[in-house]
Amino acid sequence: QVLLVESGGGLVQPGGSLRLSCAASGSISNINVMGWYRQAPGKERELVAVIGSGYITNYADSVKGRFTISRDNAKNTVYLQMNSLKPEDTAVYYCHLKEWGIHYWGEGTLVTVSS
């Protein structure tokens, strides 16, 4: 079983920055994909950014150039640096890990961008 614990959400003004962290624990293989998804009120969950264990990344078009995903394989931790935040980035952000076709999710952390 894999447990994902997120941290770093909160309230930030438009144009501000936040850094999300997600630590994975349990039986984790060396080959996996970790990432972040988000779900805004009344909308479906959507991909924000993912990063493989080989550090290949993929971003949603809406966050390219503003968000950066990174990971520390030794700590089984993934990070999401969010800059130039906009009100439309307001959502619950979920950490995700996929390995051997199995999906694991964190409980989510709320990010609110508002003045």
N, C-alpha and C. Protein backbone atom coordinates (compact mmCIF):
# COMPACT_ATOMS: atom_id res chain seq x y z
N GLN A 1 0.85 -1.19 0.00
CA GLN A 1 0.00 0.00 0.00
C GLN A 1 0.88 1.24 0.00
N VAL A 2 0.43 2.25 -0.72
CA VAL A 2 1.16 3.51 -0.83
C VAL A 2 0.33 4.63 -0.22
N LEU A 3 0.97 5.45 0.58
CA LEU A 3 0.31 6.60 1.20
C LEU A 3 0.95 7.87 0.67
N LEU A 4 0.10 8.83 0.24
CA LEU A 4 0.58 10.11 -0.26
C LEU A 4 0.09 11.21 0.68
N VAL A 5 0.99 12.05 1.14
CA VAL A 5 0.63 13.13 2.05
C VAL A 5 1.09 14.46 1.45
N GLU A 6 0.11 15.33 1.18
CA GLU A 6 0.40 16.64 0.58
C GLU A 6 0.55 17.70 1.65
N SER A 7 1.27 18.75 1.30
CA SER A 7 1.38 19.92 2.16
C SER A 7 1.70 21.13 1.29
N GLY A 8 1.43 22.33 1.84
CA GLY A 8 1.84 23.56 1.17
C GLY A 8 0.71 24.38 0.58
N GLY A 9 -0.52 23.92 0.66
CA GLY A 9 -1.63 24.72 0.13
C GLY A 9 -1.91 25.91 1.02
N GLY A 10 -2.80 26.78 0.55
CA GLY A 10 -3.18 27.93 1.34
C GLY A 10 -3.76 29.04 0.49
N LEU A 11 -3.85 30.22 1.09
CA LEU A 11 -4.40 31.40 0.42
C LEU A 11 -3.25 32.29 -0.06
N VAL A 12 -3.33 32.71 -1.30
CA VAL A 12 -2.29 33.57 -1.87
C VAL A 12 -2.95 34.59 -2.79
N GLN A 13 -2.36 35.75 -2.88
CA GLN A 13 -2.88 36.79 -3.76
C GLN A 13 -2.51 36.51 -5.21
N PRO A 14 -3.30 37.01 -6.14
CA PRO A 14 -2.93 36.86 -7.56
C PRO A 14 -1.52 37.39 -7.82
N GLY A 15 -0.77 36.63 -8.60
CA GLY A 15 0.62 36.96 -8.88
C GLY A 15 1.60 36.37 -7.90
N GLY A 16 1.09 35.79 -6.83
CA GLY A 16 1.94 35.20 -5.81
C GLY A 16 2.40 33.80 -6.14
N SER A 17 3.10 33.19 -5.18
CA SER A 17 3.68 31.87 -5.37
C SER A 17 3.35 30.96 -4.20
N LEU A 18 3.31 29.68 -4.50
CA LEU A 18 3.17 28.63 -3.49
C LEU A 18 3.98 27.43 -3.95
N ARG A 19 4.40 26.63 -2.98
CA ARG A 19 5.09 25.38 -3.28
C ARG A 19 4.37 24.24 -2.58
N LEU A 20 3.92 23.29 -3.37
CA LEU A 20 3.28 22.10 -2.83
C LEU A 20 4.31 20.97 -2.75
N SER A 21 4.15 20.16 -1.72
CA SER A 21 4.99 18.98 -1.56
C SER A 21 4.10 17.76 -1.35
N CYS A 22 4.59 16.62 -1.79
CA CYS A 22 3.87 15.37 -1.59
C CYS A 22 4.89 14.28 -1.30
N ALA A 23 4.78 13.70 -0.12
CA ALA A 23 5.67 12.62 0.28
C ALA A 23 4.94 11.29 0.17
N ALA A 24 5.58 10.36 -0.51
CA ALA A 24 5.02 9.02 -0.68
C ALA A 24 5.71 8.05 0.27
N SER A 25 4.94 7.18 0.87
CA SER A 25 5.49 6.16 1.75
C SER A 25 4.82 4.83 1.48
N GLY A 26 5.49 3.76 1.91
CA GLY A 26 4.96 2.43 1.68
C GLY A 26 5.82 1.68 0.70
N SER A 27 5.22 0.71 0.04
CA SER A 27 5.95 -0.13 -0.90
C SER A 27 5.94 0.54 -2.27
N ILE A 28 7.03 1.24 -2.58
CA ILE A 28 7.11 2.03 -3.81
C ILE A 28 8.22 1.47 -4.69
N SER A 29 7.90 1.25 -5.95
CA SER A 29 8.92 0.77 -6.87
C SER A 29 9.79 1.91 -7.35
N ASN A 30 10.87 1.57 -8.02
CA ASN A 30 11.77 2.60 -8.55
C ASN A 30 11.25 3.20 -9.85
N ILE A 31 10.25 2.56 -10.45
CA ILE A 31 9.71 3.03 -11.72
C ILE A 31 8.28 3.48 -11.50
N ASN A 32 8.04 4.77 -11.57
CA ASN A 32 6.69 5.27 -11.37
C ASN A 32 6.56 6.67 -11.96
N VAL A 33 5.36 7.14 -11.97
CA VAL A 33 5.08 8.52 -12.38
C VAL A 33 4.37 9.20 -11.23
N MET A 34 4.87 10.35 -10.84
CA MET A 34 4.22 11.14 -9.80
C MET A 34 3.76 12.45 -10.40
N GLY A 35 2.75 13.03 -9.79
CA GLY A 35 2.28 14.28 -10.36
C GLY A 35 1.19 14.92 -9.55
N TRP A 36 0.63 15.95 -10.14
CA TRP A 36 -0.41 16.76 -9.50
C TRP A 36 -1.59 16.91 -10.44
N TYR A 37 -2.76 16.76 -9.88
CA TYR A 37 -4.01 17.05 -10.55
C TYR A 37 -4.75 18.07 -9.70
N ARG A 38 -5.74 18.71 -10.28
CA ARG A 38 -6.53 19.66 -9.51
C ARG A 38 -8.00 19.59 -9.91
N GLN A 39 -8.83 19.98 -8.96
CA GLN A 39 -10.27 20.00 -9.21
C GLN A 39 -10.85 21.27 -8.63
N ALA A 40 -11.37 22.11 -9.51
CA ALA A 40 -12.02 23.35 -9.10
C ALA A 40 -13.50 23.07 -8.86
N PRO A 41 -14.15 23.91 -8.08
CA PRO A 41 -15.58 23.71 -7.81
C PRO A 41 -16.40 23.62 -9.09
N GLY A 42 -17.20 22.57 -9.18
CA GLY A 42 -18.06 22.40 -10.34
C GLY A 42 -17.37 21.90 -11.59
N LYS A 43 -16.09 21.55 -11.48
CA LYS A 43 -15.34 21.09 -12.65
C LYS A 43 -14.77 19.70 -12.39
N GLU A 44 -14.36 19.05 -13.48
CA GLU A 44 -13.74 17.75 -13.37
C GLU A 44 -12.27 17.88 -12.96
N ARG A 45 -11.76 16.80 -12.38
CA ARG A 45 -10.36 16.78 -12.03
C ARG A 45 -9.52 16.81 -13.31
N GLU A 46 -8.45 17.60 -13.31
CA GLU A 46 -7.61 17.73 -14.49
C GLU A 46 -6.14 17.62 -14.13
N LEU A 47 -5.37 17.18 -15.11
CA LEU A 47 -3.93 17.07 -14.92
C LEU A 47 -3.30 18.46 -14.85
N VAL A 48 -2.38 18.62 -13.91
CA VAL A 48 -1.60 19.85 -13.82
C VAL A 48 -0.19 19.59 -14.36
N ALA A 49 0.48 18.61 -13.77
CA ALA A 49 1.84 18.29 -14.20
C ALA A 49 2.21 16.91 -13.67
N VAL A 50 3.01 16.18 -14.44
CA VAL A 50 3.50 14.88 -14.02
C VAL A 50 4.99 14.78 -14.31
N ILE A 51 5.65 13.90 -13.57
CA ILE A 51 7.08 13.68 -13.76
C ILE A 51 7.39 12.21 -13.52
N GLY A 52 8.10 11.62 -14.45
CA GLY A 52 8.47 10.23 -14.30
C GLY A 52 9.72 10.05 -13.45
N SER A 53 9.99 8.80 -13.09
CA SER A 53 11.17 8.53 -12.28
C SER A 53 12.45 8.85 -13.04
N GLY A 54 12.35 8.98 -14.37
CA GLY A 54 13.47 9.42 -15.18
C GLY A 54 13.48 10.92 -15.42
N TYR A 55 12.62 11.64 -14.71
CA TYR A 55 12.56 13.11 -14.71
C TYR A 55 11.96 13.71 -15.97
N ILE A 56 11.31 12.92 -16.80
CA ILE A 56 10.58 13.49 -17.94
C ILE A 56 9.29 14.09 -17.41
N THR A 57 8.98 15.31 -17.87
CA THR A 57 7.83 16.04 -17.36
C THR A 57 6.79 16.31 -18.43
N ASN A 58 5.57 16.57 -17.97
CA ASN A 58 4.48 16.96 -18.85
C ASN A 58 3.60 17.92 -18.09
N TYR A 59 3.20 19.01 -18.76
CA TYR A 59 2.40 20.05 -18.11
C TYR A 59 1.11 20.32 -18.88
N ALA A 60 0.10 20.74 -18.15
CA ALA A 60 -1.09 21.27 -18.80
C ALA A 60 -0.72 22.60 -19.45
N ASP A 61 -1.34 22.89 -20.58
CA ASP A 61 -1.03 24.14 -21.28
C ASP A 61 -1.28 25.36 -20.40
N SER A 62 -2.28 25.25 -19.54
CA SER A 62 -2.68 26.41 -18.73
C SER A 62 -1.64 26.79 -17.67
N VAL A 63 -0.69 25.88 -17.38
CA VAL A 63 0.30 26.19 -16.34
C VAL A 63 1.72 26.26 -16.88
N LYS A 64 1.92 25.96 -18.14
CA LYS A 64 3.26 26.00 -18.72
C LYS A 64 3.87 27.38 -18.57
N GLY A 65 5.13 27.40 -18.13
CA GLY A 65 5.82 28.66 -17.93
C GLY A 65 5.59 29.28 -16.56
N ARG A 66 4.62 28.76 -15.82
CA ARG A 66 4.32 29.30 -14.49
C ARG A 66 4.59 28.28 -13.39
N PHE A 67 4.32 27.02 -13.66
CA PHE A 67 4.49 25.95 -12.67
C PHE A 67 5.69 25.09 -13.05
N THR A 68 6.37 24.58 -12.03
CA THR A 68 7.49 23.67 -12.25
C THR A 68 7.35 22.46 -11.32
N ILE A 69 7.37 21.29 -11.91
CA ILE A 69 7.31 20.06 -11.12
C ILE A 69 8.71 19.48 -11.00
N SER A 70 9.00 18.94 -9.83
CA SER A 70 10.30 18.30 -9.60
C SER A 70 10.10 17.16 -8.61
N ARG A 71 11.11 16.33 -8.49
CA ARG A 71 11.00 15.21 -7.56
C ARG A 71 12.37 14.87 -6.98
N ASP A 72 12.32 14.28 -5.79
CA ASP A 72 13.52 13.78 -5.12
C ASP A 72 13.29 12.28 -4.94
N ASN A 73 13.91 11.49 -5.78
CA ASN A 73 13.68 10.05 -5.74
C ASN A 73 14.14 9.42 -4.42
N ALA A 74 15.18 9.98 -3.84
CA ALA A 74 15.68 9.43 -2.57
C ALA A 74 14.66 9.61 -1.45
N LYS A 75 13.86 10.66 -1.55
CA LYS A 75 12.84 10.95 -0.52
C LYS A 75 11.43 10.57 -0.95
N ASN A 76 11.31 10.02 -2.18
CA ASN A 76 9.98 9.69 -2.71
C ASN A 76 9.03 10.88 -2.57
N THR A 77 9.51 12.04 -2.93
CA THR A 77 8.75 13.27 -2.77
C THR A 77 8.68 14.01 -4.11
N VAL A 78 7.51 14.57 -4.38
CA VAL A 78 7.32 15.38 -5.57
C VAL A 78 6.90 16.77 -5.13
N TYR A 79 7.36 17.76 -5.89
CA TYR A 79 7.09 19.16 -5.57
C TYR A 79 6.41 19.84 -6.75
N LEU A 80 5.64 20.88 -6.44
CA LEU A 80 5.07 21.71 -7.48
C LEU A 80 5.27 23.17 -7.08
N GLN A 81 6.17 23.83 -7.78
CA GLN A 81 6.39 25.25 -7.56
C GLN A 81 5.44 26.02 -8.46
N MET A 82 4.58 26.82 -7.84
CA MET A 82 3.56 27.55 -8.59
C MET A 82 3.85 29.05 -8.48
N ASN A 83 4.12 29.67 -9.61
CA ASN A 83 4.40 31.10 -9.66
C ASN A 83 3.33 31.80 -10.49
N SER A 84 3.26 33.11 -10.35
CA SER A 84 2.31 33.92 -11.13
C SER A 84 0.91 33.33 -11.04
N LEU A 85 0.50 33.03 -9.84
CA LEU A 85 -0.80 32.38 -9.64
C LEU A 85 -1.95 33.29 -10.04
N LYS A 86 -2.98 32.66 -10.59
CA LYS A 86 -4.17 33.37 -11.05
C LYS A 86 -5.39 32.87 -10.29
N PRO A 87 -6.44 33.66 -10.22
CA PRO A 87 -7.66 33.18 -9.54
C PRO A 87 -8.17 31.86 -10.10
N GLU A 88 -7.98 31.65 -11.40
CA GLU A 88 -8.45 30.39 -12.01
C GLU A 88 -7.61 29.19 -11.62
N ASP A 89 -6.52 29.40 -10.90
CA ASP A 89 -5.75 28.27 -10.36
C ASP A 89 -6.34 27.76 -9.04
N THR A 90 -7.35 28.45 -8.54
CA THR A 90 -8.00 28.02 -7.30
C THR A 90 -8.62 26.64 -7.49
N ALA A 91 -8.23 25.71 -6.61
CA ALA A 91 -8.70 24.33 -6.72
C ALA A 91 -8.14 23.52 -5.56
N VAL A 92 -8.66 22.33 -5.43
CA VAL A 92 -8.02 21.34 -4.56
C VAL A 92 -6.99 20.61 -5.42
N TYR A 93 -5.78 20.58 -4.95
CA TYR A 93 -4.69 19.94 -5.68
C TYR A 93 -4.41 18.57 -5.07
N TYR A 94 -4.41 17.56 -5.92
CA TYR A 94 -4.23 16.18 -5.49
C TYR A 94 -2.90 15.63 -5.99
N CYS A 95 -2.18 15.02 -5.09
CA CYS A 95 -0.97 14.30 -5.47
C CYS A 95 -1.36 12.94 -6.04
N HIS A 96 -0.61 12.49 -7.02
CA HIS A 96 -0.92 11.23 -7.71
C HIS A 96 0.36 10.45 -7.95
N LEU A 97 0.27 9.15 -7.78
CA LEU A 97 1.38 8.25 -8.10
C LEU A 97 0.81 7.05 -8.86
N LYS A 98 1.47 6.74 -9.96
CA LYS A 98 1.08 5.57 -10.75
C LYS A 98 2.28 4.64 -10.91
N GLU A 99 2.07 3.38 -10.55
CA GLU A 99 3.11 2.38 -10.77
C GLU A 99 2.46 1.05 -11.05
N TRP A 100 2.98 0.32 -12.02
CA TRP A 100 2.46 -0.98 -12.41
C TRP A 100 0.97 -0.91 -12.69
N GLY A 101 0.51 0.20 -13.26
CA GLY A 101 -0.89 0.34 -13.63
C GLY A 101 -1.83 0.66 -12.48
N ILE A 102 -1.28 0.83 -11.29
CA ILE A 102 -2.10 1.14 -10.12
C ILE A 102 -1.99 2.63 -9.81
N HIS A 103 -3.12 3.25 -9.52
CA HIS A 103 -3.17 4.68 -9.23
C HIS A 103 -3.39 4.91 -7.74
N TYR A 104 -2.62 5.81 -7.18
CA TYR A 104 -2.76 6.21 -5.78
C TYR A 104 -2.99 7.72 -5.74
N TRP A 105 -3.82 8.14 -4.79
CA TRP A 105 -4.16 9.57 -4.66
C TRP A 105 -3.97 10.03 -3.23
N GLY A 106 -3.54 11.28 -3.09
CA GLY A 106 -3.55 11.92 -1.80
C GLY A 106 -4.94 12.46 -1.49
N GLU A 107 -5.09 13.02 -0.31
CA GLU A 107 -6.39 13.54 0.09
C GLU A 107 -6.66 14.93 -0.46
N GLY A 108 -5.63 15.61 -0.93
CA GLY A 108 -5.81 16.92 -1.54
C GLY A 108 -5.45 18.05 -0.60
N THR A 109 -5.00 19.14 -1.20
CA THR A 109 -4.71 20.35 -0.44
C THR A 109 -5.30 21.53 -1.21
N LEU A 110 -5.96 22.42 -0.49
CA LEU A 110 -6.68 23.52 -1.12
C LEU A 110 -5.74 24.69 -1.40
N VAL A 111 -5.80 25.16 -2.63
CA VAL A 111 -5.09 26.37 -3.04
C VAL A 111 -6.13 27.41 -3.44
N THR A 112 -6.10 28.55 -2.78
CA THR A 112 -7.04 29.63 -3.08
C THR A 112 -6.25 30.86 -3.50
N VAL A 113 -6.55 31.35 -4.70
CA VAL A 113 -5.88 32.54 -5.22
C VAL A 113 -6.92 33.66 -5.26
N SER A 114 -6.75 34.60 -4.35
CA SER A 114 -7.75 35.67 -4.22
C SER A 114 -7.13 36.89 -3.55
N SER A 115 -7.64 38.05 -3.93
CA SER A 115 -7.17 39.28 -3.28
C SER A 115 -8.10 39.64 -2.13
